[in-house]
Protein backbone atom coordinates (compact mmCIF):
# COMPACT_ATOMS: atom_id res chain seq x y z
CA MET A 1 101.94 -37.79 81.39
CA SER A 2 100.03 -36.56 78.39
CA ARG A 3 97.57 -38.38 76.42
CA SER A 4 96.33 -37.64 72.98
CA GLY A 5 92.47 -37.00 73.26
CA THR A 6 89.53 -34.66 74.59
CA THR A 7 90.56 -33.52 77.96
CA THR A 8 87.20 -33.09 80.61
CA ARG A 9 86.72 -29.91 79.70
CA ASP A 10 86.72 -30.40 76.37
CA ARG A 11 83.74 -32.93 77.57
CA SER A 12 81.91 -30.56 79.54
CA GLY A 13 82.12 -28.28 77.03
CA GLY A 14 81.33 -30.09 74.48
CA ARG A 15 78.02 -31.40 76.89
CA GLY A 16 77.31 -27.35 77.61
CA ARG A 17 77.53 -26.60 73.96
CA ARG A 18 74.93 -29.73 73.29
CA ALA A 19 72.56 -28.62 76.32
CA ARG A 20 72.46 -25.00 75.01
CA GLY A 21 71.52 -26.14 71.70
CA ARG A 22 68.87 -28.72 72.99
CA GLY A 23 67.47 -25.72 74.91
CA THR A 24 67.89 -22.72 72.59
CA ARG A 25 67.13 -22.56 69.08
CA PRO A 26 67.30 -19.53 66.43
CA ALA A 27 64.56 -17.32 66.22
CA GLY A 28 63.72 -18.32 62.66
CA ASN A 29 63.05 -22.16 63.93
CA ARG A 30 60.81 -20.49 66.49
CA ARG A 31 58.68 -18.97 64.39
CA ARG A 32 58.26 -21.90 62.28
CA GLU A 33 57.09 -23.82 64.46
CA GLY A 34 54.21 -21.48 65.37
CA VAL A 35 52.77 -22.45 61.91
CA ARG A 36 50.57 -25.08 61.23
CA HIS A 37 50.50 -26.40 57.78
CA SER A 38 47.39 -28.03 56.93
CA THR A 39 45.92 -28.94 53.45
CA GLU A 40 42.03 -28.15 54.48
CA PRO A 41 40.88 -24.91 52.95
CA ALA A 42 40.53 -22.10 54.90
CA PRO A 43 36.67 -21.46 55.56
CA ALA A 44 35.23 -18.39 53.44
CA PRO A 45 34.46 -15.17 55.13
CA ALA A 46 30.41 -14.97 55.32
CA VAL A 47 29.03 -13.03 52.83
CA ARG A 48 25.46 -11.23 53.13
CA ARG A 49 23.75 -11.40 49.91
CA PHE A 50 21.50 -8.79 49.56
CA GLY A 51 22.06 -8.14 45.40
CA ARG A 52 19.73 -10.79 44.01
CA PRO A 53 16.34 -9.27 45.83
CA ARG A 54 16.99 -5.84 44.84
CA GLY A 55 17.90 -7.17 41.15
CA ARG A 56 14.47 -8.80 41.06
CA HIS A 57 13.15 -5.97 42.28
CA ARG A 58 14.36 -3.55 39.57
CA ARG A 59 13.33 -5.87 37.17
CA TRP A 60 9.88 -5.94 38.11
CA LEU A 61 10.44 -2.07 38.06
CA GLN A 62 11.47 -2.18 34.47
CA LEU A 63 8.66 -4.56 33.11
CA ALA A 64 5.82 -1.98 35.09
CA ALA A 65 7.42 0.97 33.24
CA ALA A 66 7.33 -0.97 29.78
CA LEU A 67 3.55 -2.02 30.20
CA VAL A 68 2.80 1.60 31.28
CA ALA A 69 4.70 2.71 28.07
CA VAL A 70 2.82 0.41 26.03
CA ALA A 71 -0.41 1.22 27.22
CA ALA A 72 0.06 4.72 26.59
CA ALA A 73 1.24 4.17 22.93
CA GLY A 74 -1.76 2.00 22.44
CA TRP A 75 -4.20 4.41 23.70
CA LEU A 76 -2.50 7.36 21.69
CA LEU A 77 -3.20 4.98 18.50
CA LEU A 78 -6.40 4.04 19.04
CA ALA A 79 -8.02 6.46 21.29
CA GLY A 80 -5.92 9.69 21.88
CA PRO A 81 -6.60 13.11 19.73
CA LEU A 82 -2.98 13.09 18.51
CA LEU A 83 -3.10 11.11 15.54
CA ALA A 84 -7.07 11.45 14.91
CA VAL A 85 -8.61 12.31 11.44
CA ARG A 86 -8.34 16.05 10.59
CA ALA A 87 -8.58 16.08 7.06
CA VAL A 88 -9.58 13.94 4.15
CA HIS A 89 -8.13 14.26 0.71
CA VAL A 90 -9.86 13.30 -2.73
CA ASP A 91 -7.23 12.79 -5.80
CA GLY A 92 -8.06 12.01 -9.27
CA LEU A 93 -11.16 13.77 -9.86
CA THR A 94 -12.53 15.36 -12.91
CA THR A 95 -16.03 16.14 -12.59
CA LEU A 96 -17.36 14.40 -9.46
CA PRO A 97 -17.60 16.68 -6.51
CA ALA A 98 -15.02 16.01 -3.42
CA GLY A 99 -18.15 16.82 -1.36
CA GLN A 100 -19.78 14.13 -2.34
CA VAL A 101 -16.62 11.51 -2.37
CA GLN A 102 -16.28 12.80 1.12
CA GLU A 103 -19.82 11.87 2.42
CA ALA A 104 -19.56 8.77 0.67
CA ALA A 105 -16.77 7.82 2.44
CA GLY A 106 -18.40 8.28 5.80
CA ILE A 107 -15.09 9.10 7.61
CA GLU A 108 -16.04 11.07 10.64
CA ALA A 109 -13.35 13.95 11.37
CA GLY A 110 -11.68 13.32 14.83
CA THR A 111 -11.57 9.55 14.72
CA PRO A 112 -8.36 7.85 15.65
CA LEU A 113 -6.66 7.29 12.38
CA LEU A 114 -5.31 3.93 13.29
CA ARG A 115 -9.36 2.90 13.71
CA VAL A 116 -10.38 4.08 10.45
CA ASP A 117 -11.98 0.97 8.71
CA LEU A 118 -10.26 1.66 5.01
CA GLU A 119 -11.83 -1.18 3.12
CA ALA A 120 -15.24 -0.01 4.03
CA ALA A 121 -14.59 3.50 2.99
CA ARG A 122 -12.98 2.26 -0.18
CA THR A 123 -16.56 0.52 -0.82
CA ARG A 124 -18.82 3.16 -0.31
CA VAL A 125 -16.65 5.14 -2.45
CA ALA A 126 -16.75 2.40 -5.37
CA ARG A 127 -20.51 2.15 -5.00
CA LEU A 128 -20.76 5.80 -6.30
CA PRO A 129 -21.55 5.48 -10.25
CA GLN A 130 -19.26 7.70 -11.80
CA VAL A 131 -16.14 5.61 -10.32
CA ALA A 132 -14.63 2.77 -11.58
CA SER A 133 -12.13 1.98 -8.68
CA ALA A 134 -11.16 3.71 -5.53
CA GLU A 135 -8.56 3.48 -2.87
CA VAL A 136 -8.35 4.67 0.39
CA THR A 137 -5.44 5.16 2.50
CA ARG A 138 -3.72 7.05 6.12
CA ASP A 139 -1.47 9.91 5.57
CA TRP A 140 0.06 10.05 8.92
CA PRO A 141 -0.13 11.87 10.82
CA ASP A 142 -4.15 13.30 10.50
CA SER A 143 -5.37 12.49 7.11
CA VAL A 144 -6.46 9.96 4.97
CA VAL A 145 -6.35 10.18 1.18
CA ILE A 146 -9.05 8.78 -1.24
CA THR A 147 -7.60 8.37 -4.79
CA VAL A 148 -10.46 7.90 -7.53
CA VAL A 149 -10.63 6.79 -10.90
CA GLN A 150 -13.84 8.46 -12.41
CA ARG A 151 -15.63 6.56 -15.48
CA VAL A 152 -14.69 8.12 -19.12
CA PRO A 153 -17.27 8.44 -21.41
CA VAL A 154 -17.95 7.17 -24.55
CA ALA A 155 -21.50 7.33 -25.52
CA VAL A 156 -24.75 8.70 -24.23
CA VAL A 157 -28.13 6.51 -24.38
CA GLY A 158 -31.35 7.33 -23.78
CA GLU A 159 -34.10 9.61 -24.67
CA PRO A 160 -33.76 13.57 -24.19
CA GLY A 161 -34.17 14.20 -20.71
CA ARG A 162 -33.60 10.74 -19.39
CA ARG A 163 -30.01 10.19 -20.99
CA SER A 164 -27.19 8.51 -19.42
CA LEU A 165 -23.62 8.35 -19.90
CA VAL A 166 -21.82 4.99 -21.47
CA ASP A 167 -18.03 4.20 -20.29
CA ALA A 168 -16.12 1.96 -22.40
CA GLU A 169 -17.51 -1.34 -20.03
CA GLY A 170 -20.87 -0.39 -21.29
CA VAL A 171 -21.62 0.79 -17.46
CA LEU A 172 -24.12 3.52 -17.53
CA PHE A 173 -22.77 5.93 -14.49
CA ASP A 174 -24.35 9.68 -15.02
CA ALA A 175 -27.16 11.18 -16.27
CA VAL A 176 -27.16 14.03 -18.78
CA THR A 177 -29.52 16.74 -18.94
CA GLY A 178 -28.17 19.22 -21.43
CA ALA A 179 -25.46 18.43 -24.30
CA ALA A 180 -23.14 15.56 -23.80
CA PRO A 181 -19.38 16.05 -23.14
CA ASP A 182 -17.36 16.92 -26.16
CA GLY A 183 -16.23 13.44 -28.17
CA VAL A 184 -19.39 11.66 -26.52
CA VAL A 185 -21.34 10.26 -29.34
CA PRO A 186 -24.87 9.36 -28.91
CA LEU A 187 -25.69 5.77 -29.12
CA ASP A 188 -29.00 4.19 -30.25
CA VAL A 189 -29.61 0.49 -29.00
CA ALA A 190 -32.34 -1.02 -27.46
CA SER A 191 -31.36 -2.20 -24.27
CA PRO A 192 -28.25 -0.49 -23.10
CA GLY A 193 -26.29 -1.74 -19.93
CA PRO A 194 -22.78 -3.99 -19.45
CA ARG A 195 -24.60 -7.35 -20.68
CA ASP A 196 -25.71 -6.13 -23.83
CA PRO A 197 -23.96 -7.11 -26.79
CA ALA A 198 -25.05 -4.46 -28.90
CA THR A 199 -24.03 -1.87 -26.57
CA LEU A 200 -20.75 -3.49 -26.01
CA ALA A 201 -20.26 -3.99 -29.69
CA GLY A 202 -21.16 -0.02 -30.60
CA ILE A 203 -18.90 0.72 -27.82
CA ALA A 204 -16.34 -1.17 -29.26
CA ALA A 205 -16.70 0.76 -32.77
CA LEU A 206 -16.54 4.26 -30.89
CA GLY A 207 -13.48 3.32 -28.83
CA SER A 208 -11.25 2.33 -31.84
CA LEU A 209 -11.86 5.83 -33.39
CA PRO A 210 -9.00 8.89 -32.67
CA ALA A 211 -10.71 11.67 -30.78
CA ASP A 212 -10.92 13.90 -33.67
CA VAL A 213 -12.52 11.62 -36.02
CA ARG A 214 -14.77 10.69 -33.11
CA GLU A 215 -15.94 14.33 -32.69
CA GLN A 216 -17.20 14.06 -36.26
CA VAL A 217 -19.54 11.56 -35.41
CA ALA A 218 -23.10 12.68 -34.39
CA ALA A 219 -24.77 9.67 -34.19
CA ALA A 220 -24.20 5.79 -33.69
CA ALA A 221 -26.71 2.79 -33.88
CA ALA A 222 -26.07 -0.66 -32.83
CA ALA A 223 -29.30 -2.61 -33.85
CA SER A 224 -27.30 -6.08 -33.15
CA PRO A 225 -23.88 -6.71 -32.34
CA ASP A 226 -23.23 -7.55 -36.25
CA ASP A 227 -24.78 -4.28 -37.57
CA ILE A 228 -23.35 -1.08 -36.24
CA SER A 229 -23.43 2.35 -38.06
CA LEU A 230 -22.16 5.49 -37.81
CA THR A 231 -23.37 8.81 -39.19
CA LEU A 232 -20.81 11.85 -39.43
CA ALA A 233 -21.90 15.61 -39.16
CA ASP A 234 -22.01 16.19 -42.73
CA GLY A 235 -24.68 13.49 -43.32
CA THR A 236 -22.36 10.72 -44.12
CA VAL A 237 -23.16 6.76 -43.21
CA VAL A 238 -20.44 4.46 -42.13
CA ARG A 239 -21.17 0.98 -42.44
CA TRP A 240 -19.29 -0.92 -39.83
CA GLY A 241 -20.92 -4.31 -39.59
CA ASP A 242 -19.99 -6.16 -36.39
CA ALA A 243 -17.22 -5.31 -33.79
CA SER A 244 -14.51 -7.66 -34.92
CA GLU A 245 -11.43 -5.85 -36.41
CA SER A 246 -12.32 -2.10 -35.62
CA GLY A 247 -8.85 -1.27 -35.14
CA ALA A 248 -8.40 -2.35 -39.03
CA LYS A 249 -11.86 -0.55 -40.16
CA SER A 250 -10.56 2.96 -37.89
CA GLU A 251 -7.64 3.21 -39.96
CA ALA A 252 -9.30 2.59 -42.70
CA LEU A 253 -11.85 5.21 -42.32
CA VAL A 254 -9.14 7.55 -40.93
CA GLY A 255 -7.55 6.98 -44.58
CA LEU A 256 -10.72 8.05 -46.66
CA LEU A 257 -11.72 10.90 -44.73
CA GLU A 258 -8.17 12.66 -44.86
CA GLN A 259 -8.29 11.80 -48.89
CA ILE A 260 -11.88 13.42 -49.16
CA GLU A 261 -10.41 16.01 -47.19
CA ALA A 262 -7.81 16.85 -49.50
CA GLY A 263 -9.63 16.72 -52.42
CA THR A 264 -8.00 13.43 -53.87
CA LEU A 265 -11.33 11.33 -53.20
CA GLU A 266 -14.77 12.16 -53.95
CA PRO A 267 -17.22 12.61 -51.23
CA ALA A 268 -19.41 10.07 -50.63
CA THR A 269 -23.17 9.33 -49.25
CA THR A 270 -22.17 5.87 -47.25
CA ILE A 271 -18.83 4.26 -46.63
CA ASP A 272 -18.82 0.42 -46.25
CA VAL A 273 -15.82 -0.57 -43.92
CA SER A 274 -17.41 -3.90 -42.60
CA THR A 275 -14.47 -5.39 -44.78
CA PRO A 276 -11.66 -2.80 -44.14
CA ASP A 277 -9.60 -5.10 -47.11
CA ALA A 278 -12.24 -3.95 -49.41
CA VAL A 279 -13.67 -0.43 -48.50
CA VAL A 280 -16.43 0.77 -50.39
CA LEU A 281 -17.99 4.49 -51.28
CA ARG A 282 -21.17 4.75 -52.64
C-alpha cells in the first residue's frame, strides 16, 4: 500500500543535500569570507622627507649669489674703473676758456662717475666772475657735462687800464685792458656795483636801447639815479632823466633818430626824452 508524501530516500537525499550544503560553499562565498571589512583607514606608507632641507639650502645659495651680485654692482659704480670719468665737456661758452671752467670744477679723470659731487662742482664753477649760472650733470657711462650761462656785458666802468665789464644786473665780472666789445658802452658812475642805484639806473637805460642804437652811444653817465645822460657818437647829448619809463624813452629816441637820418628833422645838439610824451630838441 502506498502513501503519499516523502519516502525514506527522499528524506535521506534531502539530508545529504543539506549536509553537502553545509559542508561545501561556492567559491565566491569563500573569497568573501577572506575579506575583512573595516571602517578604520589603512595606515599611510612611510615617506622619507628630503625636500625641505634641500630647498632651504637652495634658497641660501640664491641669496648668497644675489648678495655677491649686488656687491659687484656697487663696486663697479662706486670704485670700479668701468664707469669712471674720462671726459669733462663744457657747453654754453662765448668768451670764457673751457679749460678755466674745467679747472674750476675740480673733477679729476678716473673718478667713479657716481662719486662725482655735482653740487660742489657747480658751486665752484658759479664762483667764476664771468658765469651767471651753471649746471653740472652726469653723462653715462664716462662723462660729465658742465653747462654755463655767461654774463653778457652791457657797459664798461672804471678808468683806462682798470676797467671792468658790467652785466644787466650791475655785476662787475671781467677786466678789460683794450677796447671794449662792440655795443658795450662806457658808463661813468661814482661807485659801480650791483648795489649802487646809479649803476642800476644807467644799466637800465642802456639795456632798453636796441642793439643798433646802442652802438651809436659813445658814453653814458649816471650822476645819480635821477640824472642819466647819453652821448652819441656825433656829439649829441640825450637827457634821459631817471630809469622810469625807459621803454617809452627808448622808442621816442629811436623815432627821432630815424627822422634826423631821413632828413625830415633837423639835427639837434641836445635831445631831452625825460618826458617821453613831450620830447624837447635843442
